[in-house]
Amino acid sequence: MLKEEVNKAVEVLRTGGIILYPTDTVWALGCDATNETAVNKLLALKKKNEFGGLIILLDHENKLQSYVREVPDIAYDLIEYTDKPLTIVYSGAKNLAPNVINQDASIGIRIVKHDFCQELLQRFRLPIVSTSANISTEATPANFSEISEQIIDDVDYIVNCEQDDLTPKTPSTIMKLEPDGRFVFIRK
């Protein structure tokens, strides 16, 4: 079943669609992070006017170099040793849709350790946007049952996986990491 769901989601992503999918944190809205039109569609669905503030997912830290100009060495240790989902905001984003990149040219990236996401990213071979499955002014849903009908109605595909899991989930920790290794926590 996992493989079938991954294949369906990849098909939607390749055509510029938006998926609703489980992650290692909260349920997320996702699209191809290199497709500007798909990102615009996702921003419209969230009713989010400004660019940036989006996170992208990668399946392995060796792909960071493809999307960040200069990856600080400490980033690899942080990714390896963290026991909770960690999003790192890097300076110098590249090879992504311009509307995914923050105004200061940074991008938030999480190396995801979740079976569905890992499989999806390996098959899709591009980064995927991961933003909470809610309208930007509303609270982040803690599980699938809390996602609004409007979001459910407006996505192109809902992944049929983990929908019955009512365990409350929380967003990732977010840290801004400068090229020189300095960092600040944005969300703990």
N, C-alpha and C. Protein backbone atom coordinates (compact mmCIF):
# COMPACT_ATOMS: atom_id res chain seq x y z
N MET A 1 0.83 -1.20 0.00
CA MET A 1 0.00 0.00 0.00
C MET A 1 0.86 1.26 0.00
N LEU A 2 1.95 1.27 0.76
CA LEU A 2 2.83 2.43 0.81
C LEU A 2 3.34 2.79 -0.59
N LYS A 3 3.79 1.79 -1.31
CA LYS A 3 4.32 2.02 -2.65
C LYS A 3 3.25 2.60 -3.58
N GLU A 4 2.04 2.09 -3.48
CA GLU A 4 0.93 2.59 -4.31
C GLU A 4 0.62 4.05 -3.99
N GLU A 5 0.61 4.40 -2.71
CA GLU A 5 0.35 5.79 -2.30
C GLU A 5 1.48 6.72 -2.75
N VAL A 6 2.70 6.25 -2.66
CA VAL A 6 3.85 7.03 -3.12
C VAL A 6 3.72 7.28 -4.61
N ASN A 7 3.39 6.26 -5.38
CA ASN A 7 3.26 6.41 -6.83
C ASN A 7 2.18 7.42 -7.20
N LYS A 8 1.04 7.36 -6.53
CA LYS A 8 -0.04 8.32 -6.80
C LYS A 8 0.40 9.74 -6.46
N ALA A 9 1.05 9.91 -5.32
CA ALA A 9 1.51 11.24 -4.90
C ALA A 9 2.55 11.79 -5.87
N VAL A 10 3.48 10.95 -6.33
CA VAL A 10 4.50 11.39 -7.28
C VAL A 10 3.86 11.86 -8.58
N GLU A 11 2.87 11.13 -9.03
CA GLU A 11 2.15 11.50 -10.26
C GLU A 11 1.54 12.91 -10.13
N VAL A 12 0.92 13.18 -8.99
CA VAL A 12 0.31 14.50 -8.76
C VAL A 12 1.38 15.58 -8.68
N LEU A 13 2.47 15.31 -7.98
CA LEU A 13 3.56 16.29 -7.86
C LEU A 13 4.16 16.62 -9.22
N ARG A 14 4.34 15.62 -10.04
CA ARG A 14 4.94 15.83 -11.38
C ARG A 14 4.08 16.69 -12.28
N THR A 15 2.77 16.73 -12.03
CA THR A 15 1.88 17.54 -12.85
C THR A 15 1.57 18.90 -12.20
N GLY A 16 2.35 19.26 -11.16
CA GLY A 16 2.18 20.56 -10.53
C GLY A 16 1.06 20.61 -9.51
N GLY A 17 0.61 19.45 -9.04
CA GLY A 17 -0.49 19.39 -8.09
C GLY A 17 -0.03 19.53 -6.65
N ILE A 18 -1.03 19.63 -5.77
CA ILE A 18 -0.79 19.76 -4.33
C ILE A 18 -1.28 18.49 -3.64
N ILE A 19 -0.43 17.96 -2.77
CA ILE A 19 -0.81 16.78 -2.01
C ILE A 19 -0.97 17.14 -0.53
N LEU A 20 -1.79 16.36 0.15
CA LEU A 20 -1.97 16.44 1.60
C LEU A 20 -1.38 15.15 2.13
N TYR A 21 -0.33 15.24 2.95
CA TYR A 21 0.41 14.03 3.31
C TYR A 21 0.95 14.06 4.73
N PRO A 22 1.16 12.86 5.32
CA PRO A 22 1.72 12.78 6.66
C PRO A 22 3.23 12.97 6.61
N THR A 23 3.79 13.57 7.65
CA THR A 23 5.23 13.75 7.73
C THR A 23 5.70 13.27 9.10
N ASP A 24 6.96 13.52 9.40
CA ASP A 24 7.50 13.17 10.72
C ASP A 24 7.02 14.15 11.79
N THR A 25 6.31 15.19 11.38
CA THR A 25 5.71 16.15 12.33
C THR A 25 4.21 16.17 12.06
N VAL A 26 3.66 17.29 11.65
CA VAL A 26 2.22 17.43 11.39
C VAL A 26 1.90 17.06 9.94
N TRP A 27 0.61 16.86 9.67
CA TRP A 27 0.17 16.67 8.28
C TRP A 27 0.52 17.92 7.50
N ALA A 28 0.89 17.75 6.25
CA ALA A 28 1.39 18.87 5.46
C ALA A 28 0.74 18.96 4.10
N LEU A 29 0.78 20.18 3.58
CA LEU A 29 0.48 20.44 2.17
C LEU A 29 1.82 20.44 1.46
N GLY A 30 1.88 19.81 0.31
CA GLY A 30 3.15 19.74 -0.39
C GLY A 30 2.99 19.89 -1.89
N CYS A 31 4.08 20.33 -2.50
CA CYS A 31 4.16 20.43 -3.95
C CYS A 31 5.63 20.40 -4.33
N ASP A 32 5.90 20.39 -5.61
CA ASP A 32 7.26 20.42 -6.13
C ASP A 32 7.88 21.77 -5.76
N ALA A 33 8.94 21.75 -4.97
CA ALA A 33 9.59 22.99 -4.50
C ALA A 33 10.37 23.69 -5.60
N THR A 34 10.45 23.10 -6.79
CA THR A 34 11.15 23.76 -7.91
C THR A 34 10.16 24.31 -8.94
N ASN A 35 8.87 24.13 -8.70
CA ASN A 35 7.82 24.54 -9.65
C ASN A 35 7.10 25.79 -9.11
N GLU A 36 7.43 26.94 -9.70
CA GLU A 36 6.88 28.21 -9.22
C GLU A 36 5.35 28.25 -9.28
N THR A 37 4.76 27.70 -10.34
CA THR A 37 3.31 27.69 -10.49
C THR A 37 2.66 26.84 -9.40
N ALA A 38 3.24 25.68 -9.12
CA ALA A 38 2.70 24.80 -8.07
C ALA A 38 2.79 25.49 -6.70
N VAL A 39 3.90 26.19 -6.45
CA VAL A 39 4.06 26.90 -5.17
C VAL A 39 3.03 28.02 -5.06
N ASN A 40 2.78 28.75 -6.15
CA ASN A 40 1.75 29.80 -6.13
C ASN A 40 0.38 29.22 -5.79
N LYS A 41 0.09 28.06 -6.37
CA LYS A 41 -1.18 27.39 -6.11
C LYS A 41 -1.29 27.01 -4.62
N LEU A 42 -0.19 26.52 -4.05
CA LEU A 42 -0.17 26.15 -2.64
C LEU A 42 -0.33 27.38 -1.75
N LEU A 43 0.36 28.47 -2.09
CA LEU A 43 0.24 29.71 -1.32
C LEU A 43 -1.20 30.24 -1.36
N ALA A 44 -1.85 30.13 -2.51
CA ALA A 44 -3.24 30.58 -2.65
C ALA A 44 -4.16 29.71 -1.78
N LEU A 45 -3.92 28.42 -1.75
CA LEU A 45 -4.73 27.51 -0.95
C LEU A 45 -4.61 27.84 0.54
N LYS A 46 -3.40 28.18 0.97
CA LYS A 46 -3.17 28.55 2.38
C LYS A 46 -3.60 29.99 2.68
N LYS A 47 -3.94 30.73 1.62
CA LYS A 47 -4.27 32.16 1.75
C LYS A 47 -3.09 32.91 2.37
N LYS A 48 -1.93 32.58 1.86
CA LYS A 48 -0.68 33.18 2.35
C LYS A 48 -0.18 34.11 1.24
N ASN A 49 -0.12 35.38 1.52
CA ASN A 49 0.21 36.36 0.49
C ASN A 49 1.70 36.52 0.24
N GLU A 50 2.49 36.44 1.31
CA GLU A 50 3.91 36.71 1.13
C GLU A 50 4.66 35.44 0.74
N PHE A 51 5.74 35.62 0.01
CA PHE A 51 6.60 34.50 -0.36
C PHE A 51 7.43 34.10 0.86
N GLY A 52 8.01 32.94 0.79
CA GLY A 52 8.90 32.49 1.84
C GLY A 52 8.13 31.93 3.02
N GLY A 53 8.88 31.58 4.04
CA GLY A 53 8.28 30.99 5.22
C GLY A 53 7.88 29.54 5.01
N LEU A 54 8.27 28.99 3.89
CA LEU A 54 7.96 27.59 3.60
C LEU A 54 9.18 26.73 3.91
N ILE A 55 8.92 25.50 4.24
CA ILE A 55 9.98 24.52 4.51
C ILE A 55 9.99 23.54 3.35
N ILE A 56 11.16 23.06 3.01
CA ILE A 56 11.24 21.98 2.03
C ILE A 56 11.82 20.75 2.71
N LEU A 57 11.45 19.60 2.18
CA LEU A 57 11.94 18.33 2.70
C LEU A 57 12.92 17.71 1.72
N LEU A 58 13.95 17.11 2.26
CA LEU A 58 14.89 16.29 1.49
C LEU A 58 15.01 14.95 2.20
N ASP A 59 15.37 13.91 1.46
CA ASP A 59 15.48 12.58 2.06
C ASP A 59 16.87 12.27 2.58
N HIS A 60 17.86 13.08 2.21
CA HIS A 60 19.22 12.79 2.66
C HIS A 60 20.04 14.07 2.69
N GLU A 61 20.90 14.19 3.71
CA GLU A 61 21.72 15.41 3.84
C GLU A 61 22.70 15.61 2.69
N ASN A 62 23.03 14.54 1.95
CA ASN A 62 23.96 14.74 0.82
C ASN A 62 23.33 15.56 -0.31
N LYS A 63 22.04 15.83 -0.23
CA LYS A 63 21.37 16.65 -1.26
C LYS A 63 21.35 18.14 -0.90
N LEU A 64 21.78 18.48 0.31
CA LEU A 64 21.79 19.88 0.74
C LEU A 64 22.58 20.76 -0.22
N GLN A 65 23.73 20.29 -0.68
CA GLN A 65 24.60 21.08 -1.56
C GLN A 65 23.89 21.50 -2.84
N SER A 66 22.87 20.75 -3.26
CA SER A 66 22.13 21.09 -4.48
C SER A 66 21.23 22.30 -4.30
N TYR A 67 20.88 22.62 -3.03
CA TYR A 67 19.90 23.69 -2.78
C TYR A 67 20.40 24.80 -1.87
N VAL A 68 21.63 24.67 -1.37
CA VAL A 68 22.22 25.68 -0.49
C VAL A 68 23.63 25.97 -0.99
N ARG A 69 23.96 27.26 -1.16
CA ARG A 69 25.29 27.63 -1.68
C ARG A 69 26.44 27.14 -0.80
N GLU A 70 26.30 27.32 0.52
CA GLU A 70 27.38 26.95 1.44
C GLU A 70 26.76 26.31 2.68
N VAL A 71 26.94 25.00 2.82
CA VAL A 71 26.40 24.28 3.97
C VAL A 71 27.45 24.24 5.07
N PRO A 72 27.17 24.88 6.22
CA PRO A 72 28.14 24.83 7.33
C PRO A 72 28.36 23.38 7.77
N ASP A 73 29.59 23.02 8.08
CA ASP A 73 29.91 21.65 8.49
C ASP A 73 29.08 21.18 9.68
N ILE A 74 28.80 22.08 10.60
CA ILE A 74 28.05 21.73 11.81
C ILE A 74 26.64 21.22 11.47
N ALA A 75 26.12 21.61 10.32
CA ALA A 75 24.77 21.19 9.92
C ALA A 75 24.67 19.66 9.86
N TYR A 76 25.71 19.03 9.36
CA TYR A 76 25.68 17.56 9.23
C TYR A 76 25.63 16.89 10.60
N ASP A 77 26.35 17.44 11.58
CA ASP A 77 26.30 16.90 12.94
C ASP A 77 24.92 17.12 13.57
N LEU A 78 24.37 18.30 13.36
CA LEU A 78 23.04 18.60 13.91
C LEU A 78 22.01 17.62 13.36
N ILE A 79 22.05 17.37 12.06
CA ILE A 79 21.11 16.46 11.42
C ILE A 79 21.30 15.04 11.95
N GLU A 80 22.55 14.62 12.07
CA GLU A 80 22.83 13.25 12.50
C GLU A 80 22.43 12.99 13.95
N TYR A 81 22.66 13.96 14.82
CA TYR A 81 22.49 13.71 16.24
C TYR A 81 21.18 14.19 16.85
N THR A 82 20.37 14.90 16.09
CA THR A 82 19.11 15.35 16.66
C THR A 82 18.16 14.17 16.82
N ASP A 83 17.41 14.18 17.92
CA ASP A 83 16.45 13.10 18.12
C ASP A 83 15.03 13.55 17.83
N LYS A 84 14.84 14.84 17.54
CA LYS A 84 13.54 15.38 17.18
C LYS A 84 13.63 15.98 15.78
N PRO A 85 12.50 16.06 15.06
CA PRO A 85 12.54 16.70 13.74
C PRO A 85 13.09 18.13 13.84
N LEU A 86 14.10 18.42 13.02
CA LEU A 86 14.78 19.71 13.04
C LEU A 86 14.80 20.32 11.65
N THR A 87 14.27 21.53 11.55
CA THR A 87 14.35 22.30 10.31
C THR A 87 15.46 23.31 10.50
N ILE A 88 16.38 23.34 9.54
CA ILE A 88 17.47 24.30 9.59
C ILE A 88 17.27 25.30 8.46
N VAL A 89 17.33 26.59 8.81
CA VAL A 89 17.23 27.66 7.82
C VAL A 89 18.64 28.03 7.40
N TYR A 90 18.92 27.84 6.12
CA TYR A 90 20.25 28.10 5.56
C TYR A 90 20.22 29.36 4.70
N SER A 91 21.32 30.09 4.69
CA SER A 91 21.47 31.23 3.80
C SER A 91 21.84 30.72 2.41
N GLY A 92 21.59 31.52 1.39
CA GLY A 92 22.04 31.20 0.05
C GLY A 92 21.31 30.06 -0.62
N ALA A 93 19.98 30.11 -0.62
CA ALA A 93 19.19 29.08 -1.30
C ALA A 93 19.43 29.15 -2.81
N LYS A 94 19.35 28.00 -3.47
CA LYS A 94 19.53 27.95 -4.92
C LYS A 94 18.73 26.79 -5.50
N ASN A 95 18.49 26.84 -6.80
CA ASN A 95 17.84 25.77 -7.56
C ASN A 95 16.43 25.44 -7.07
N LEU A 96 15.74 26.43 -6.52
CA LEU A 96 14.38 26.27 -6.04
C LEU A 96 13.49 27.33 -6.69
N ALA A 97 12.19 27.09 -6.67
CA ALA A 97 11.26 28.12 -7.17
C ALA A 97 11.48 29.40 -6.36
N PRO A 98 11.53 30.56 -7.02
CA PRO A 98 11.81 31.81 -6.29
C PRO A 98 10.81 32.11 -5.18
N ASN A 99 9.56 31.65 -5.30
CA ASN A 99 8.55 31.94 -4.28
C ASN A 99 8.62 30.98 -3.09
N VAL A 100 9.57 30.06 -3.09
CA VAL A 100 9.83 29.21 -1.92
C VAL A 100 10.89 29.86 -1.05
N ILE A 101 11.77 30.61 -1.68
CA ILE A 101 12.92 31.21 -1.02
C ILE A 101 12.49 32.45 -0.24
N ASN A 102 12.99 32.59 0.98
CA ASN A 102 12.69 33.76 1.81
C ASN A 102 13.31 35.02 1.21
N GLN A 103 12.82 36.19 1.63
CA GLN A 103 13.31 37.46 1.09
C GLN A 103 14.80 37.66 1.32
N ASP A 104 15.35 37.07 2.38
CA ASP A 104 16.78 37.20 2.66
C ASP A 104 17.61 36.11 1.96
N ALA A 105 16.99 35.43 1.00
CA ALA A 105 17.62 34.37 0.18
C ALA A 105 17.90 33.10 0.99
N SER A 106 17.21 32.92 2.11
CA SER A 106 17.39 31.71 2.92
C SER A 106 16.27 30.71 2.62
N ILE A 107 16.48 29.48 3.08
CA ILE A 107 15.46 28.44 2.91
C ILE A 107 15.52 27.49 4.11
N GLY A 108 14.35 27.10 4.59
CA GLY A 108 14.25 26.12 5.67
C GLY A 108 14.20 24.72 5.08
N ILE A 109 15.09 23.85 5.55
CA ILE A 109 15.16 22.48 5.03
C ILE A 109 15.15 21.49 6.20
N ARG A 110 14.32 20.45 6.06
CA ARG A 110 14.33 19.37 7.03
C ARG A 110 14.67 18.07 6.31
N ILE A 111 15.64 17.35 6.85
CA ILE A 111 15.94 16.02 6.36
C ILE A 111 14.97 15.09 7.08
N VAL A 112 14.05 14.54 6.35
CA VAL A 112 12.93 13.84 6.95
C VAL A 112 13.28 12.36 7.22
N LYS A 113 12.84 11.91 8.39
CA LYS A 113 13.06 10.52 8.79
C LYS A 113 11.70 9.88 9.02
N HIS A 114 10.96 9.71 7.96
CA HIS A 114 9.59 9.21 8.00
C HIS A 114 9.44 8.30 6.79
N ASP A 115 8.95 7.09 6.99
CA ASP A 115 8.92 6.11 5.91
C ASP A 115 8.24 6.61 4.64
N PHE A 116 7.03 7.15 4.77
CA PHE A 116 6.33 7.62 3.58
C PHE A 116 7.11 8.74 2.89
N CYS A 117 7.54 9.73 3.66
CA CYS A 117 8.27 10.87 3.08
C CYS A 117 9.58 10.44 2.43
N GLN A 118 10.30 9.56 3.09
CA GLN A 118 11.56 9.06 2.53
C GLN A 118 11.32 8.44 1.15
N GLU A 119 10.35 7.55 1.10
CA GLU A 119 10.02 6.86 -0.15
C GLU A 119 9.56 7.85 -1.22
N LEU A 120 8.72 8.80 -0.82
CA LEU A 120 8.20 9.80 -1.75
C LEU A 120 9.34 10.64 -2.34
N LEU A 121 10.22 11.12 -1.49
CA LEU A 121 11.33 11.95 -1.94
C LEU A 121 12.31 11.17 -2.81
N GLN A 122 12.55 9.91 -2.48
CA GLN A 122 13.45 9.09 -3.30
C GLN A 122 12.87 8.87 -4.69
N ARG A 123 11.56 8.65 -4.78
CA ARG A 123 10.92 8.43 -6.08
C ARG A 123 10.77 9.73 -6.87
N PHE A 124 10.44 10.82 -6.19
CA PHE A 124 10.21 12.10 -6.88
C PHE A 124 11.52 12.75 -7.32
N ARG A 125 12.57 12.57 -6.55
CA ARG A 125 13.92 13.05 -6.85
C ARG A 125 14.08 14.57 -6.84
N LEU A 126 13.12 15.28 -6.27
CA LEU A 126 13.20 16.74 -6.12
C LEU A 126 12.70 17.08 -4.72
N PRO A 127 13.08 18.25 -4.20
CA PRO A 127 12.57 18.64 -2.89
C PRO A 127 11.06 18.92 -2.95
N ILE A 128 10.41 18.70 -1.82
CA ILE A 128 8.97 18.90 -1.74
C ILE A 128 8.70 19.93 -0.64
N VAL A 129 7.79 20.85 -0.94
CA VAL A 129 7.37 21.82 0.08
C VAL A 129 6.63 21.06 1.17
N SER A 130 6.84 21.48 2.40
CA SER A 130 6.12 20.92 3.54
C SER A 130 5.66 22.08 4.41
N THR A 131 4.38 22.38 4.33
CA THR A 131 3.81 23.45 5.15
C THR A 131 2.55 22.91 5.81
N SER A 132 2.30 23.32 7.02
CA SER A 132 1.17 22.77 7.78
C SER A 132 -0.13 22.84 6.99
N ALA A 133 -0.99 21.85 7.19
CA ALA A 133 -2.22 21.69 6.41
C ALA A 133 -3.35 22.55 6.98
N ASN A 134 -3.17 23.86 6.86
CA ASN A 134 -4.18 24.79 7.37
C ASN A 134 -4.10 26.11 6.59
N ILE A 135 -5.17 26.90 6.70
CA ILE A 135 -5.16 28.27 6.20
C ILE A 135 -4.18 29.01 7.11
N SER A 136 -3.40 29.94 6.56
CA SER A 136 -2.30 30.54 7.33
C SER A 136 -2.73 31.26 8.61
N THR A 137 -3.98 31.69 8.70
CA THR A 137 -4.43 32.39 9.91
C THR A 137 -5.00 31.43 10.96
N GLU A 138 -5.12 30.15 10.62
CA GLU A 138 -5.72 29.17 11.53
C GLU A 138 -4.66 28.35 12.25
N ALA A 139 -5.07 27.68 13.30
CA ALA A 139 -4.15 26.84 14.09
C ALA A 139 -3.70 25.62 13.28
N THR A 140 -2.50 25.17 13.57
CA THR A 140 -1.97 23.97 12.92
C THR A 140 -2.71 22.74 13.45
N PRO A 141 -3.27 21.92 12.55
CA PRO A 141 -3.96 20.71 13.01
C PRO A 141 -2.98 19.72 13.65
N ALA A 142 -3.37 19.14 14.78
CA ALA A 142 -2.51 18.20 15.50
C ALA A 142 -2.53 16.80 14.87
N ASN A 143 -3.60 16.51 14.11
CA ASN A 143 -3.68 15.23 13.39
C ASN A 143 -4.66 15.38 12.22
N PHE A 144 -4.81 14.33 11.44
CA PHE A 144 -5.62 14.40 10.22
C PHE A 144 -7.06 14.83 10.50
N SER A 145 -7.64 14.36 11.60
CA SER A 145 -9.05 14.65 11.90
C SER A 145 -9.32 16.14 12.11
N GLU A 146 -8.28 16.92 12.38
CA GLU A 146 -8.45 18.36 12.63
C GLU A 146 -8.26 19.22 11.37
N ILE A 147 -7.96 18.61 10.25
CA ILE A 147 -7.75 19.38 9.01
C ILE A 147 -9.10 19.84 8.48
N SER A 148 -9.18 21.12 8.10
CA SER A 148 -10.46 21.71 7.67
C SER A 148 -10.94 21.11 6.35
N GLU A 149 -12.26 21.10 6.19
CA GLU A 149 -12.87 20.61 4.94
C GLU A 149 -12.38 21.41 3.74
N GLN A 150 -12.15 22.71 3.94
CA GLN A 150 -11.70 23.56 2.83
C GLN A 150 -10.36 23.06 2.28
N ILE A 151 -9.44 22.73 3.18
CA ILE A 151 -8.14 22.21 2.74
C ILE A 151 -8.34 20.87 2.04
N ILE A 152 -9.11 19.98 2.65
CA ILE A 152 -9.36 18.66 2.08
C ILE A 152 -9.98 18.77 0.68
N ASP A 153 -10.91 19.69 0.50
CA ASP A 153 -11.58 19.86 -0.78
C ASP A 153 -10.67 20.46 -1.86
N ASP A 154 -9.68 21.26 -1.44
CA ASP A 154 -8.88 22.01 -2.41
C ASP A 154 -7.57 21.36 -2.85
N VAL A 155 -7.16 20.27 -2.20
CA VAL A 155 -5.92 19.61 -2.64
C VAL A 155 -6.21 18.67 -3.80
N ASP A 156 -5.15 18.32 -4.52
CA ASP A 156 -5.30 17.42 -5.67
C ASP A 156 -5.24 15.95 -5.27
N TYR A 157 -4.59 15.65 -4.16
CA TYR A 157 -4.51 14.27 -3.71
C TYR A 157 -4.29 14.20 -2.20
N ILE A 158 -5.03 13.31 -1.54
CA ILE A 158 -4.87 13.08 -0.10
C ILE A 158 -4.25 11.69 0.06
N VAL A 159 -3.09 11.65 0.65
CA VAL A 159 -2.40 10.37 0.85
C VAL A 159 -3.19 9.53 1.85
N ASN A 160 -3.48 8.31 1.45
CA ASN A 160 -4.26 7.39 2.28
C ASN A 160 -3.32 6.58 3.15
N CYS A 161 -2.83 7.24 4.18
CA CYS A 161 -1.81 6.64 5.04
C CYS A 161 -1.81 7.43 6.35
N GLU A 162 -1.91 6.77 7.48
CA GLU A 162 -1.84 7.40 8.80
C GLU A 162 -3.01 8.33 9.11
N GLN A 163 -4.09 8.26 8.35
CA GLN A 163 -5.23 9.14 8.61
C GLN A 163 -5.93 8.81 9.92
N ASP A 164 -5.85 7.56 10.36
CA ASP A 164 -6.51 7.14 11.59
C ASP A 164 -5.68 7.38 12.85
N ASP A 165 -4.44 7.83 12.66
CA ASP A 165 -3.56 8.08 13.81
C ASP A 165 -3.98 9.39 14.48
N LEU A 166 -4.53 9.28 15.67
CA LEU A 166 -5.01 10.47 16.38
C LEU A 166 -4.00 11.03 17.37
N THR A 167 -2.79 10.50 17.33
CA THR A 167 -1.73 11.01 18.20
C THR A 167 -1.46 12.47 17.85
N PRO A 168 -1.55 13.38 18.82
CA PRO A 168 -1.27 14.79 18.51
C PRO A 168 0.19 14.96 18.07
N LYS A 169 0.39 15.66 16.98
CA LYS A 169 1.74 15.90 16.45
C LYS A 169 2.07 17.38 16.61
N THR A 170 3.35 17.68 16.66
CA THR A 170 3.79 19.06 16.78
C THR A 170 4.76 19.40 15.66
N PRO A 171 4.84 20.67 15.29
CA PRO A 171 5.78 21.09 14.24
C PRO A 171 7.23 20.88 14.68
N SER A 172 8.12 20.94 13.73
CA SER A 172 9.55 20.75 14.00
C SER A 172 10.15 21.94 14.74
N THR A 173 11.29 21.69 15.35
CA THR A 173 12.13 22.77 15.87
C THR A 173 12.73 23.47 14.66
N ILE A 174 12.82 24.80 14.70
CA ILE A 174 13.43 25.54 13.59
C ILE A 174 14.62 26.33 14.11
N MET A 175 15.74 26.20 13.43
CA MET A 175 16.95 26.94 13.81
C MET A 175 17.52 27.60 12.55
N LYS A 176 17.96 28.83 12.70
CA LYS A 176 18.64 29.56 11.61
C LYS A 176 20.13 29.34 11.82
N LEU A 177 20.81 28.83 10.80
CA LEU A 177 22.22 28.51 10.88
C LEU A 177 22.98 29.35 9.87
N GLU A 178 23.89 30.18 10.34
CA GLU A 178 24.68 31.04 9.46
C GLU A 178 25.85 30.25 8.87
N PRO A 179 26.38 30.69 7.73
CA PRO A 179 27.52 29.98 7.11
C PRO A 179 28.72 29.83 8.06
N ASP A 180 28.89 30.77 8.99
CA ASP A 180 30.03 30.69 9.92
C ASP A 180 29.75 29.80 11.14
N GLY A 181 28.56 29.17 11.17
CA GLY A 181 28.24 28.25 12.26
C GLY A 181 27.41 28.87 13.38
N ARG A 182 27.26 30.21 13.39
CA ARG A 182 26.41 30.83 14.41
C ARG A 182 24.97 30.40 14.17
N PHE A 183 24.18 30.28 15.24
CA PHE A 183 22.80 29.87 15.07
C PHE A 183 21.89 30.55 16.08
N VAL A 184 20.61 30.56 15.76
CA VAL A 184 19.59 31.07 16.66
C VAL A 184 18.34 30.20 16.47
N PHE A 185 17.66 29.86 17.57
CA PHE A 185 16.43 29.09 17.46
C PHE A 185 15.27 30.02 17.11
N ILE A 186 14.49 29.65 16.12
CA ILE A 186 13.32 30.40 15.70
C ILE A 186 12.07 29.82 16.37
N ARG A 187 12.04 28.49 16.45
CA ARG A 187 10.92 27.79 17.11
C ARG A 187 11.50 26.56 17.80
N LYS A 188 11.23 26.44 19.09
CA LYS A 188 11.74 25.28 19.85
C LYS A 188 10.66 24.24 20.02
